[in-house]
C-alpha cells in the first residue's frame, strides 16, 4: 500500500474561494495526497501535518481590508515550497514585505499572460515570449514585490501576474490554474508538485481507500457502529466504506422525513438493502414531519422543528439497536 498519506502530502490552506476543491482535485489527479484546511489552521497543527508543499487558495476577501485572512507565519518559515493562487499570491506578498493595492480595473474571466522569463512552473508547458490564456478573478493586485521575487509573466491588469522566488521555492499566480478555463493550468500545478517540490506522484484513491478501511477496522475492533444515513453522497460513501471494513457490525438508520425528491427514499432503501446488502433501519416518518411543519412559514422555526424531530426519532431507533460504541456521519454541519 502506498504511504504518501504520511510522506508526500500537500496542505491546501483555504481562504474561502469557491473553487478550492478544484485545487485538491488537480493535486489528487496528479497522484499526490492532499488535504484542505482553513487558513486559520494552527502552527502546531501544520507542523504535525508535516506537508511537503503548501498551496494558498483564492478568496472573495480583499488583502487591503483590515482583518482580512492571513496565512500562518510557519507557512513561509517551514522550508517547503509554497504556491499562492490569486488571493494566495496577494497575502503571500503582503506578509513577506510587498504591497497590494486596489486595481484600477477588475479582471474577471478570460485573460492572457505574457511569459517574460523562464520559470520552474513553465517547464515543458510555456515558452518565453508566448502569450497564454488564463482565467482571472481579482480586483486587487500586487503593486510591490517582496525581496527575492522576480516577475516571470504579466497581464494587462496584473503587472505581477506570475512571480517566483526560486531560492525559497515560493511561486504565485494572480489567476486560477485549477479551473478548466486556464487550458494549461493542471500542467502548471503538476510542475509545482514535481519539478519544484519533488513529490513522487504515486498516490492513488485506491491506496487511500485501503488505508481508510484499515483505520476503521483498527478503531472499531469488534464494536458496533450506527450510521446516520441521509441518502446524500457524504453519508452514503461513509456507510459503504465502513461496511466494507466491518461488515454487519454496521447498522444504518435512514429517517425518511418526506422532504426528499419524489421516489428518492425508495431508491436509497433499494440501493443499500439490495445492492450493498447493508443492514438498514428505514423509518418512514413523513406524516410526522409534514404534520409538524403544517402551517409553519418561518424558515428558522422549520429548521429547528425538523432537527428536533429527527434527533428524537434517531435516538429512539439507536436505543432499539443497542450496544453501539460508535456513531458515523458523512458530514458534520455546524
C-alpha atoms as a PDB file:
ATOM      1  CA  UNK A   1       0.000   0.000   0.000  1.00  0.00           C
ATOM      2  CA  UNK A   2       1.265   3.481  -0.825  1.00  0.00           C
ATOM      3  CA  UNK A   3       2.487   5.561   2.101  1.00  0.00           C
ATOM      4  CA  UNK A   4       2.183   9.013   0.537  1.00  0.00           C
ATOM      5  CA  UNK A   5      -0.517   9.930   3.043  1.00  0.00           C
ATOM      6  CA  UNK A   6       2.236  10.146   5.644  1.00  0.00           C
ATOM      7  CA  UNK A   7       5.129  11.330   3.466  1.00  0.00           C
ATOM      8  CA  UNK A   8       4.272  13.098   0.179  1.00  0.00           C
ATOM      9  CA  UNK A   9       1.400  15.198   1.466  1.00  0.00           C
ATOM     10  CA  UNK A  10       0.330  18.643   0.295  1.00  0.00           C
ATOM     11  CA  UNK A  11      -1.511  21.118   2.501  1.00  0.00           C
ATOM     12  CA  UNK A  12      -4.079  23.396   0.857  1.00  0.00           C
ATOM     13  CA  UNK A  13      -4.997  26.371   3.025  1.00  0.00           C
ATOM     14  CA  UNK A  14      -8.478  27.594   2.167  1.00  0.00           C
ATOM     15  CA  UNK A  15      -9.202  31.330   2.273  1.00  0.00           C
ATOM     16  CA  UNK A  16     -12.787  30.867   1.082  1.00  0.00           C
ATOM     17  CA  UNK A  17     -12.550  30.501  -2.682  1.00  0.00           C
ATOM     18  CA  UNK A  18     -15.474  28.827  -4.441  1.00  0.00           C
ATOM     19  CA  UNK A  19     -13.033  26.637  -6.359  1.00  0.00           C
ATOM     20  CA  UNK A  20     -10.662  25.477  -3.612  1.00  0.00           C
ATOM     21  CA  UNK A  21     -11.968  21.925  -4.048  1.00  0.00           C
ATOM     22  CA  UNK A  22     -10.729  22.044  -7.635  1.00  0.00           C
ATOM     23  CA  UNK A  23      -7.179  22.640  -6.399  1.00  0.00           C
ATOM     24  CA  UNK A  24      -7.413  19.433  -4.385  1.00  0.00           C
ATOM     25  CA  UNK A  25      -8.843  17.622  -7.374  1.00  0.00           C
ATOM     26  CA  UNK A  26      -5.931  18.651  -9.605  1.00  0.00           C
ATOM     27  CA  UNK A  27      -3.397  17.623  -6.958  1.00  0.00           C
ATOM     28  CA  UNK A  28      -5.032  14.227  -6.453  1.00  0.00           C
ATOM     29  CA  UNK A  29      -5.354  13.681 -10.201  1.00  0.00           C
ATOM     30  CA  UNK A  30      -1.584  14.133 -10.330  1.00  0.00           C
ATOM     31  CA  UNK A  31      -1.168  11.260  -7.870  1.00  0.00           C
ATOM     32  CA  UNK A  32      -0.378  13.324  -4.780  1.00  0.00           C
ATOM     33  CA  UNK A  33      -2.239  13.151  -1.468  1.00  0.00           C
ATOM     34  CA  UNK A  34      -3.566  16.459  -0.133  1.00  0.00           C
ATOM     35  CA  UNK A  35      -5.966  17.855   2.422  1.00  0.00           C
ATOM     36  CA  UNK A  36      -7.835  21.169   2.582  1.00  0.00           C
ATOM     37  CA  UNK A  37      -7.725  23.013   5.893  1.00  0.00           C
ATOM     38  CA  UNK A  38      -8.908  26.532   6.833  1.00  0.00           C
ATOM     39  CA  UNK A  39      -6.356  29.350   6.705  1.00  0.00           C
ATOM     40  CA  UNK A  40      -6.756  29.594  10.487  1.00  0.00           C
ATOM     41  CA  UNK A  41      -5.116  26.186  10.978  1.00  0.00           C
ATOM     42  CA  UNK A  42      -2.758  26.442  13.934  1.00  0.00           C
ATOM     43  CA  UNK A  43       1.004  26.368  13.503  1.00  0.00           C
ATOM     44  CA  UNK A  44       1.195  23.275  15.724  1.00  0.00           C
ATOM     45  CA  UNK A  45      -1.338  21.513  13.501  1.00  0.00           C
ATOM     46  CA  UNK A  46       0.656  22.418  10.401  1.00  0.00           C
ATOM     47  CA  UNK A  47       3.831  21.045  11.988  1.00  0.00           C
ATOM     48  CA  UNK A  48       2.015  17.848  12.879  1.00  0.00           C
ATOM     49  CA  UNK A  49       0.653  17.518   9.341  1.00  0.00           C
ATOM     50  CA  UNK A  50       4.226  17.950   8.019  1.00  0.00           C
ATOM     51  CA  UNK A  51       3.394  18.938   4.433  1.00  0.00           C
ATOM     52  CA  UNK A  52       5.970  18.600   1.673  1.00  0.00           C
ATOM     53  CA  UNK A  53       4.369  21.592  -0.093  1.00  0.00           C
ATOM     54  CA  UNK A  54       1.699  24.188   0.657  1.00  0.00           C
ATOM     55  CA  UNK A  55      -0.866  25.817  -1.638  1.00  0.00           C
ATOM     56  CA  UNK A  56      -2.710  29.020  -0.684  1.00  0.00           C
ATOM     57  CA  UNK A  57      -6.165  29.305  -2.256  1.00  0.00           C
ATOM     58  CA  UNK A  58      -8.091  32.261  -3.598  1.00  0.00           C
ATOM     59  CA  UNK A  59     -10.680  34.214  -1.613  1.00  0.00           C
ATOM     60  CA  UNK A  60     -13.546  36.683  -2.033  1.00  0.00           C
ATOM     61  CA  UNK A  61     -11.849  38.844   0.634  1.00  0.00           C
ATOM     62  CA  UNK A  62      -9.524  41.796  -0.004  1.00  0.00           C
ATOM     63  CA  UNK A  63      -5.991  41.817   1.381  1.00  0.00           C
ATOM     64  CA  UNK A  64      -6.274  45.600   1.660  1.00  0.00           C
ATOM     65  CA  UNK A  65      -9.091  45.389   4.234  1.00  0.00           C
ATOM     66  CA  UNK A  66      -8.303  45.347   7.926  1.00  0.00           C
ATOM     67  CA  UNK A  67      -8.837  41.930   9.469  1.00  0.00           C
ATOM     68  CA  UNK A  68      -8.754  40.044   6.157  1.00  0.00           C
ATOM     69  CA  UNK A  69      -7.380  36.470   6.278  1.00  0.00           C
ATOM     70  CA  UNK A  70      -3.640  35.790   6.505  1.00  0.00           C
ATOM     71  CA  UNK A  71      -1.593  32.615   6.256  1.00  0.00           C
ATOM     72  CA  UNK A  72       0.013  31.278   9.446  1.00  0.00           C
ATOM     73  CA  UNK A  73       3.607  32.533   9.673  1.00  0.00           C
ATOM     74  CA  UNK A  74       5.007  28.992   9.637  1.00  0.00           C
ATOM     75  CA  UNK A  75       3.928  28.664   6.005  1.00  0.00           C
ATOM     76  CA  UNK A  76       6.852  30.876   4.993  1.00  0.00           C
ATOM     77  CA  UNK A  77       9.405  29.574   7.503  1.00  0.00           C
ATOM     78  CA  UNK A  78       8.883  25.806   7.227  1.00  0.00           C
ATOM     79  CA  UNK A  79      11.300  25.488   4.309  1.00  0.00           C
ATOM     80  CA  UNK A  80       8.777  23.860   1.974  1.00  0.00           C
ATOM     81  CA  UNK A  81       7.627  25.084  -1.449  1.00  0.00           C
ATOM     82  CA  UNK A  82       4.589  27.385  -1.447  1.00  0.00           C
ATOM     83  CA  UNK A  83       2.229  28.184  -4.323  1.00  0.00           C
ATOM     84  CA  UNK A  84      -0.071  31.183  -3.915  1.00  0.00           C
ATOM     85  CA  UNK A  85      -3.162  31.376  -6.105  1.00  0.00           C
ATOM     86  CA  UNK A  86      -4.987  34.702  -6.620  1.00  0.00           C
ATOM     87  CA  UNK A  87      -5.671  35.891  -3.043  1.00  0.00           C
ATOM     88  CA  UNK A  88      -2.957  33.432  -2.023  1.00  0.00           C
ATOM     89  CA  UNK A  89      -0.488  35.433  -4.114  1.00  0.00           C
ATOM     90  CA  UNK A  90      -1.606  38.681  -2.591  1.00  0.00           C
ATOM     91  CA  UNK A  91      -1.388  37.603   1.039  1.00  0.00           C
ATOM     92  CA  UNK A  92       1.983  35.974   0.345  1.00  0.00           C
ATOM     93  CA  UNK A  93       3.331  39.272  -0.968  1.00  0.00           C
ATOM     94  CA  UNK A  94       1.757  41.348   1.792  1.00  0.00           C
ATOM     95  CA  UNK A  95       3.094  39.063   4.522  1.00  0.00           C
ATOM     96  CA  UNK A  96       6.603  38.929   3.068  1.00  0.00           C
ATOM     97  CA  UNK A  97       7.046  42.691   2.749  1.00  0.00           C
ATOM     98  CA  UNK A  98       5.432  43.502  -0.573  1.00  0.00           C
ATOM     99  CA  UNK A  99       2.404  45.676  -1.198  1.00  0.00           C
ATOM    100  CA  UNK A 100      -1.096  45.060  -2.538  1.00  0.00           C
ATOM    101  CA  UNK A 101      -3.406  47.794  -3.786  1.00  0.00           C
ATOM    102  CA  UNK A 102      -6.874  48.007  -5.321  1.00  0.00           C
ATOM    103  CA  UNK A 103      -6.603  47.528  -9.078  1.00  0.00           C
ATOM    104  CA  UNK A 104      -7.570  50.295 -11.475  1.00  0.00           C
ATOM    105  CA  UNK A 105      -9.630  47.758 -13.404  1.00  0.00           C
ATOM    106  CA  UNK A 106     -11.001  44.428 -12.248  1.00  0.00           C
ATOM    107  CA  UNK A 107     -10.001  41.375 -14.276  1.00  0.00           C
ATOM    108  CA  UNK A 108     -12.667  38.724 -14.381  1.00  0.00           C
ATOM    109  CA  UNK A 109     -12.900  35.926 -16.899  1.00  0.00           C
ATOM    110  CA  UNK A 110     -10.618  35.041 -19.775  1.00  0.00           C
ATOM    111  CA  UNK A 111      -7.347  36.945 -19.895  1.00  0.00           C
ATOM    112  CA  UNK A 112      -3.877  36.490 -21.352  1.00  0.00           C
ATOM    113  CA  UNK A 113      -0.477  36.495 -19.715  1.00  0.00           C
ATOM    114  CA  UNK A 114       2.776  37.297 -21.476  1.00  0.00           C
ATOM    115  CA  UNK A 115       5.597  34.977 -20.443  1.00  0.00           C
ATOM    116  CA  UNK A 116       8.664  37.125 -19.704  1.00  0.00           C
ATOM    117  CA  UNK A 117      11.234  34.791 -18.121  1.00  0.00           C
ATOM    118  CA  UNK A 118      11.863  31.055 -17.675  1.00  0.00           C
ATOM    119  CA  UNK A 119      10.333  29.529 -14.549  1.00  0.00           C
ATOM    120  CA  UNK A 120      10.123  26.076 -12.998  1.00  0.00           C
ATOM    121  CA  UNK A 121       6.328  26.271 -13.295  1.00  0.00           C
ATOM    122  CA  UNK A 122       6.613  26.577 -17.084  1.00  0.00           C
ATOM    123  CA  UNK A 123       8.862  23.576 -17.844  1.00  0.00           C
ATOM    124  CA  UNK A 124       7.527  21.735 -20.881  1.00  0.00           C
ATOM    125  CA  UNK A 125       4.416  23.951 -20.928  1.00  0.00           C
ATOM    126  CA  UNK A 126       5.074  27.629 -21.690  1.00  0.00           C
ATOM    127  CA  UNK A 127       7.928  29.312 -23.546  1.00  0.00           C
ATOM    128  CA  UNK A 128       9.368  32.789 -23.019  1.00  0.00           C
ATOM    129  CA  UNK A 129       7.670  35.210 -25.402  1.00  0.00           C
ATOM    130  CA  UNK A 130       4.425  33.258 -25.556  1.00  0.00           C
ATOM    131  CA  UNK A 131       1.008  34.673 -24.765  1.00  0.00           C
ATOM    132  CA  UNK A 132      -1.123  32.188 -22.842  1.00  0.00           C
ATOM    133  CA  UNK A 133      -4.796  32.103 -21.887  1.00  0.00           C
ATOM    134  CA  UNK A 134      -5.727  32.044 -18.177  1.00  0.00           C
ATOM    135  CA  UNK A 135      -8.789  32.689 -16.014  1.00  0.00           C
ATOM    136  CA  UNK A 136      -8.668  35.777 -13.815  1.00  0.00           C
ATOM    137  CA  UNK A 137     -10.914  36.826 -10.940  1.00  0.00           C
ATOM    138  CA  UNK A 138      -9.484  39.726  -8.972  1.00  0.00           C
ATOM    139  CA  UNK A 139      -9.935  43.382  -8.116  1.00  0.00           C
ATOM    140  CA  UNK A 140      -6.784  43.952  -6.053  1.00  0.00           C
ATOM    141  CA  UNK A 141      -3.308  43.435  -7.446  1.00  0.00           C
ATOM    142  CA  UNK A 142       0.271  43.268  -6.248  1.00  0.00           C
ATOM    143  CA  UNK A 143       1.956  46.667  -6.532  1.00  0.00           C
ATOM    144  CA  UNK A 144       5.351  45.868  -4.991  1.00  0.00           C
ATOM    145  CA  UNK A 145       7.192  42.570  -4.789  1.00  0.00           C
ATOM    146  CA  UNK A 146       8.807  41.254  -1.612  1.00  0.00           C
ATOM    147  CA  UNK A 147      12.571  40.937  -1.631  1.00  0.00           C
ATOM    148  CA  UNK A 148      13.807  37.897  -3.526  1.00  0.00           C
ATOM    149  CA  UNK A 149      10.938  37.688  -6.013  1.00  0.00           C
ATOM    150  CA  UNK A 150      11.084  38.247  -9.775  1.00  0.00           C
ATOM    151  CA  UNK A 151       8.383  38.790 -12.388  1.00  0.00           C
ATOM    152  CA  UNK A 152       8.040  35.882 -14.816  1.00  0.00           C
ATOM    153  CA  UNK A 153       4.742  36.802 -16.515  1.00  0.00           C
ATOM    154  CA  UNK A 154       2.446  39.820 -16.800  1.00  0.00           C
ATOM    155  CA  UNK A 155      -1.089  40.613 -17.919  1.00  0.00           C
ATOM    156  CA  UNK A 156      -2.923  43.841 -18.765  1.00  0.00           C
ATOM    157  CA  UNK A 157      -4.472  44.116 -15.326  1.00  0.00           C
ATOM    158  CA  UNK A 158      -1.745  42.393 -13.304  1.00  0.00           C
ATOM    159  CA  UNK A 159       1.851  43.533 -13.842  1.00  0.00           C
ATOM    160  CA  UNK A 160       2.889  40.733 -11.461  1.00  0.00           C
ATOM    161  CA  UNK A 161       0.692  38.003 -12.929  1.00  0.00           C
ATOM    162  CA  UNK A 162       3.215  35.284 -12.061  1.00  0.00           C
ATOM    163  CA  UNK A 163       6.118  35.763  -9.656  1.00  0.00           C
ATOM    164  CA  UNK A 164       8.861  33.498  -8.398  1.00  0.00           C
ATOM    165  CA  UNK A 165      11.355  33.324  -5.548  1.00  0.00           C
ATOM    166  CA  UNK A 166      13.414  30.376  -6.742  1.00  0.00           C
ATOM    167  CA  UNK A 167      15.711  30.286  -3.702  1.00  0.00           C
ATOM    168  CA  UNK A 168      12.851  29.767  -1.255  1.00  0.00           C
ATOM    169  CA  UNK A 169      10.711  27.893  -3.818  1.00  0.00           C
ATOM    170  CA  UNK A 170       7.859  30.378  -3.424  1.00  0.00           C
ATOM    171  CA  UNK A 171       5.704  30.828  -6.539  1.00  0.00           C
ATOM    172  CA  UNK A 172       2.494  32.764  -7.003  1.00  0.00           C
ATOM    173  CA  UNK A 173      -0.047  33.385  -9.765  1.00  0.00           C
ATOM    174  CA  UNK A 174      -2.772  36.007  -9.949  1.00  0.00           C
ATOM    175  CA  UNK A 175      -5.057  33.728 -11.999  1.00  0.00           C
ATOM    176  CA  UNK A 176      -6.715  30.377 -11.257  1.00  0.00           C
ATOM    177  CA  UNK A 177      -4.755  27.433 -12.715  1.00  0.00           C
ATOM    178  CA  UNK A 178      -7.150  24.924 -11.121  1.00  0.00           C
ATOM    179  CA  UNK A 179     -10.113  25.756 -13.403  1.00  0.00           C
ATOM    180  CA  UNK A 180     -10.563  24.324 -16.896  1.00  0.00           C
ATOM    181  CA  UNK A 181     -10.714  27.858 -18.323  1.00  0.00           C
ATOM    182  CA  UNK A 182      -6.931  28.014 -17.809  1.00  0.00           C
ATOM    183  CA  UNK A 183      -6.024  25.459 -20.519  1.00  0.00           C
ATOM    184  CA  UNK A 184      -2.577  24.517 -19.170  1.00  0.00           C
ATOM    185  CA  UNK A 185      -3.366  25.139 -15.518  1.00  0.00           C
ATOM    186  CA  UNK A 186      -3.155  21.493 -14.485  1.00  0.00           C
ATOM    187  CA  UNK A 187       0.305  21.271 -16.068  1.00  0.00           C
ATOM    188  CA  UNK A 188       1.465  24.303 -14.075  1.00  0.00           C
ATOM    189  CA  UNK A 189       0.229  22.669 -10.876  1.00  0.00           C
ATOM    190  CA  UNK A 190       1.988  19.425 -11.803  1.00  0.00           C
ATOM    191  CA  UNK A 191       5.219  21.321 -12.318  1.00  0.00           C
ATOM    192  CA  UNK A 192       4.844  22.801  -8.846  1.00  0.00           C
ATOM    193  CA  UNK A 193       4.293  19.333  -7.405  1.00  0.00           C
ATOM    194  CA  UNK A 194       7.047  17.533  -9.262  1.00  0.00           C
ATOM    195  CA  UNK A 195       9.650  19.961 -10.676  1.00  0.00           C
ATOM    196  CA  UNK A 196       9.544  22.325  -7.690  1.00  0.00           C
ATOM    197  CA  UNK A 197       8.504  20.120  -4.774  1.00  0.00           C
ATOM    198  CA  UNK A 198       9.998  16.808  -5.914  1.00  0.00           C
ATOM    199  CA  UNK A 199       6.959  14.709  -4.999  1.00  0.00           C
ATOM    200  CA  UNK A 200       6.586  11.165  -6.285  1.00  0.00           C
ATOM    201  CA  UNK A 201       3.059  11.179  -7.726  1.00  0.00           C
ATOM    202  CA  UNK A 202       2.459   7.533  -6.751  1.00  0.00           C
ATOM    203  CA  UNK A 203      -0.579   8.035  -4.512  1.00  0.00           C
ATOM    204  CA  UNK A 204      -3.972   6.732  -5.639  1.00  0.00           C
ATOM    205  CA  UNK A 205      -7.534   6.854  -4.357  1.00  0.00           C
ATOM    206  CA  UNK A 206      -7.366   3.047  -4.146  1.00  0.00           C
ATOM    207  CA  UNK A 207      -4.498   3.384  -1.678  1.00  0.00           C
ATOM    208  CA  UNK A 208      -6.485   5.926   0.307  1.00  0.00           C
ATOM    209  CA  UNK A 209      -9.476   3.587   0.410  1.00  0.00           C
ATOM    210  CA  UNK A 210      -7.347   0.690   1.653  1.00  0.00           C
ATOM    211  CA  UNK A 211      -5.775   2.846   4.326  1.00  0.00           C
ATOM    212  CA  UNK A 212      -9.156   4.235   5.436  1.00  0.00           C
ATOM    213  CA  UNK A 213     -10.545   0.706   5.776  1.00  0.00           C
ATOM    214  CA  UNK A 214      -7.542  -0.336   7.880  1.00  0.00           C
ATOM    215  CA  UNK A 215      -8.027   2.663  10.180  1.00  0.00           C
ATOM    216  CA  UNK A 216     -11.748   1.926  10.620  1.00  0.00           C
ATOM    217  CA  UNK A 217     -11.083  -1.721  11.486  1.00  0.00           C
ATOM    218  CA  UNK A 218      -8.393  -0.746  13.983  1.00  0.00           C
ATOM    219  CA  UNK A 219     -10.611   1.877  15.645  1.00  0.00           C
ATOM    220  CA  UNK A 220     -13.822  -0.152  15.816  1.00  0.00           C
ATOM    221  CA  UNK A 221     -12.382  -3.581  16.582  1.00  0.00           C
ATOM    222  CA  UNK A 222     -15.292  -5.844  17.479  1.00  0.00           C
ATOM    223  CA  UNK A 223     -17.605  -2.936  18.331  1.00  0.00           C
ATOM    224  CA  UNK A 224     -20.821  -1.855  16.676  1.00  0.00           C
ATOM    225  CA  UNK A 225     -21.376   1.284  14.606  1.00  0.00           C
ATOM    226  CA  UNK A 226     -24.579   3.177  13.906  1.00  0.00           C
ATOM    227  CA  UNK A 227     -24.523   5.414  10.818  1.00  0.00           C
ATOM    228  CA  UNK A 228     -26.906   8.287  10.236  1.00  0.00           C
ATOM    229  CA  UNK A 229     -27.777   7.796   6.572  1.00  0.00           C
ATOM    230  CA  UNK A 230     -29.343  10.716   4.700  1.00  0.00           C
ATOM    231  CA  UNK A 231     -29.048   9.284   1.205  1.00  0.00           C
ATOM    232  CA  UNK A 232     -26.665  12.048   0.172  1.00  0.00           C
ATOM    233  CA  UNK A 233     -23.192  11.487  -1.208  1.00  0.00           C
ATOM    234  CA  UNK A 234     -21.275  12.048   2.037  1.00  0.00           C
ATOM    235  CA  UNK A 235     -23.193   9.689   4.306  1.00  0.00           C
ATOM    236  CA  UNK A 236     -23.573   7.097   1.539  1.00  0.00           C
ATOM    237  CA  UNK A 237     -19.833   6.949   0.866  1.00  0.00           C
ATOM    238  CA  UNK A 238     -19.120   6.775   4.596  1.00  0.00           C
ATOM    239  CA  UNK A 239     -21.608   3.924   5.035  1.00  0.00           C
ATOM    240  CA  UNK A 240     -20.255   1.843   2.152  1.00  0.00           C
ATOM    241  CA  UNK A 241     -16.664   2.376   3.285  1.00  0.00           C
ATOM    242  CA  UNK A 242     -17.427   1.397   6.879  1.00  0.00           C
ATOM    243  CA  UNK A 243     -19.430  -1.641   5.765  1.00  0.00           C
ATOM    244  CA  UNK A 244     -16.523  -2.820   3.650  1.00  0.00           C
ATOM    245  CA  UNK A 245     -14.323  -2.504   6.730  1.00  0.00           C
ATOM    246  CA  UNK A 246     -16.506  -4.137   9.398  1.00  0.00           C
ATOM    247  CA  UNK A 247     -19.459  -5.753   7.623  1.00  0.00           C
ATOM    248  CA  UNK A 248     -22.593  -6.337   9.681  1.00  0.00           C
ATOM    249  CA  UNK A 249     -21.124  -4.609  12.721  1.00  0.00           C
ATOM    250  CA  UNK A 250     -22.598  -1.535  11.000  1.00  0.00           C
ATOM    251  CA  UNK A 251     -26.272  -0.599  11.071  1.00  0.00           C
ATOM    252  CA  UNK A 252     -27.561   2.390   9.111  1.00  0.00           C
ATOM    253  CA  UNK A 253     -30.570   4.405  10.232  1.00  0.00           C
ATOM    254  CA  UNK A 254     -32.415   6.228   7.464  1.00  0.00           C
ATOM    255  CA  UNK A 255     -35.064   8.632   8.718  1.00  0.00           C
ATOM    256  CA  UNK A 256     -37.394   9.448   5.827  1.00  0.00           C
ATOM    257  CA  UNK A 257     -38.635  12.965   6.524  1.00  0.00           C
ATOM    258  CA  UNK A 258     -40.845  13.135   3.463  1.00  0.00           C
ATOM    259  CA  UNK A 259     -38.833  16.119   2.286  1.00  0.00           C
ATOM    260  CA  UNK A 260     -36.705  14.320  -0.318  1.00  0.00           C
ATOM    261  CA  UNK A 261     -37.281  14.262  -4.070  1.00  0.00           C
ATOM    262  CA  UNK A 262     -40.100  12.047  -5.346  1.00  0.00           C
ATOM    263  CA  UNK A 263     -39.051   8.387  -5.242  1.00  0.00           C
ATOM    264  CA  UNK A 264     -35.646   9.141  -3.718  1.00  0.00           C
ATOM    265  CA  UNK A 265     -36.314   7.461  -0.376  1.00  0.00           C
ATOM    266  CA  UNK A 266     -37.240   4.208  -2.153  1.00  0.00           C
ATOM    267  CA  UNK A 267     -34.026   4.431  -4.176  1.00  0.00           C
ATOM    268  CA  UNK A 268     -31.953   4.774  -1.003  1.00  0.00           C
ATOM    269  CA  UNK A 269     -33.597   1.733   0.596  1.00  0.00           C
ATOM    270  CA  UNK A 270     -33.226  -0.384  -2.545  1.00  0.00           C
ATOM    271  CA  UNK A 271     -29.603   0.632  -3.032  1.00  0.00           C
ATOM    272  CA  UNK A 272     -28.446  -0.127   0.500  1.00  0.00           C
ATOM    273  CA  UNK A 273     -30.548  -3.221   1.197  1.00  0.00           C
ATOM    274  CA  UNK A 274     -30.500  -4.945  -2.191  1.00  0.00           C
ATOM    275  CA  UNK A 275     -27.309  -3.737  -3.851  1.00  0.00           C
ATOM    276  CA  UNK A 276     -24.899  -3.218  -0.950  1.00  0.00           C
ATOM    277  CA  UNK A 277     -26.630  -5.617   1.473  1.00  0.00           C
ATOM    278  CA  UNK A 278     -26.033  -3.211   4.365  1.00  0.00           C
ATOM    279  CA  UNK A 279     -28.193  -3.594   7.494  1.00  0.00           C
ATOM    280  CA  UNK A 280     -30.645  -0.693   7.286  1.00  0.00           C
ATOM    281  CA  UNK A 281     -33.367   0.619   9.556  1.00  0.00           C
ATOM    282  CA  UNK A 282     -35.816   2.632   7.452  1.00  0.00           C
ATOM    283  CA  UNK A 283     -38.131   4.897   9.436  1.00  0.00           C
ATOM    284  CA  UNK A 284     -40.953   6.331   7.334  1.00  0.00           C
ATOM    285  CA  UNK A 285     -41.739   9.448   9.354  1.00  0.00           C
ATOM    286  CA  UNK A 286     -43.041  11.601   6.504  1.00  0.00           C
ATOM    287  CA  UNK A 287     -46.501  12.093   8.053  1.00  0.00           C
ATOM    288  CA  UNK A 288     -44.982  13.101  11.395  1.00  0.00           C
ATOM    289  CA  UNK A 289     -42.607  15.660   9.874  1.00  0.00           C
ATOM    290  CA  UNK A 290     -45.133  17.138   7.472  1.00  0.00           C
ATOM    291  CA  UNK A 291     -47.702  17.318  10.241  1.00  0.00           C
ATOM    292  CA  UNK A 292     -45.370  19.283  12.496  1.00  0.00           C
ATOM    293  CA  UNK A 293     -44.475  21.624   9.629  1.00  0.00           C
ATOM    294  CA  UNK A 294     -48.080  22.290   8.623  1.00  0.00           C
ATOM    295  CA  UNK A 295     -48.826  25.999   8.838  1.00  0.00           C
ATOM    296  CA  UNK A 296     -45.221  26.905   9.700  1.00  0.00           C
ATOM    297  CA  UNK A 297     -43.750  29.578   7.400  1.00  0.00           C
ATOM    298  CA  UNK A 298     -40.706  30.872   9.311  1.00  0.00           C
ATOM    299  CA  UNK A 299     -37.568  29.154   7.889  1.00  0.00           C
ATOM    300  CA  UNK A 300     -35.750  29.101  11.230  1.00  0.00           C
ATOM    301  CA  UNK A 301     -38.707  27.516  13.009  1.00  0.00           C
ATOM    302  CA  UNK A 302     -38.893  24.930  10.217  1.00  0.00           C
ATOM    303  CA  UNK A 303     -35.189  24.138  10.577  1.00  0.00           C
ATOM    304  CA  UNK A 304     -35.426  23.695  14.349  1.00  0.00           C
ATOM    305  CA  UNK A 305     -38.590  21.609  14.049  1.00  0.00           C
ATOM    306  CA  UNK A 306     -37.003  19.269  11.525  1.00  0.00           C
ATOM    307  CA  UNK A 307     -33.794  18.981  13.558  1.00  0.00           C
ATOM    308  CA  UNK A 308     -35.521  18.268  16.869  1.00  0.00           C
ATOM    309  CA  UNK A 309     -37.874  15.706  15.325  1.00  0.00           C
ATOM    310  CA  UNK A 310     -35.027  13.962  13.532  1.00  0.00           C
ATOM    311  CA  UNK A 311     -32.937  13.669  16.711  1.00  0.00           C
ATOM    312  CA  UNK A 312     -35.915  12.302  18.657  1.00  0.00           C
ATOM    313  CA  UNK A 313     -36.566   9.577  16.076  1.00  0.00           C
ATOM    314  CA  UNK A 314     -32.906   8.743  15.528  1.00  0.00           C
ATOM    315  CA  UNK A 315     -32.248   8.448  19.258  1.00  0.00           C
ATOM    316  CA  UNK A 316     -35.210   6.115  19.733  1.00  0.00           C
ATOM    317  CA  UNK A 317     -34.074   3.842  16.884  1.00  0.00           C
ATOM    318  CA  UNK A 318     -30.475   3.809  18.110  1.00  0.00           C
ATOM    319  CA  UNK A 319     -31.637   2.652  21.557  1.00  0.00           C
ATOM    320  CA  UNK A 320     -33.557  -0.214  19.935  1.00  0.00           C
ATOM    321  CA  UNK A 321     -30.356  -1.395  18.268  1.00  0.00           C
ATOM    322  CA  UNK A 322     -28.350  -1.056  21.489  1.00  0.00           C
ATOM    323  CA  UNK A 323     -24.707  -1.730  22.245  1.00  0.00           C
ATOM    324  CA  UNK A 324     -23.189   0.570  19.629  1.00  0.00           C
ATOM    325  CA  UNK A 325     -19.995   2.311  20.673  1.00  0.00           C
ATOM    326  CA  UNK A 326     -19.616   4.484  17.575  1.00  0.00           C
ATOM    327  CA  UNK A 327     -21.718   6.977  15.624  1.00  0.00           C
ATOM    328  CA  UNK A 328     -20.774   7.502  11.963  1.00  0.00           C
ATOM    329  CA  UNK A 329     -21.704  10.599   9.971  1.00  0.00           C
ATOM    330  CA  UNK A 330     -20.682  11.633   6.488  1.00  0.00           C
ATOM    331  CA  UNK A 331     -20.845  15.359   7.185  1.00  0.00           C
ATOM    332  CA  UNK A 332     -20.708  17.422  10.347  1.00  0.00           C
ATOM    333  CA  UNK A 333     -22.594  20.616   9.555  1.00  0.00           C
ATOM    334  CA  UNK A 334     -22.203  23.456  12.066  1.00  0.00           C
END
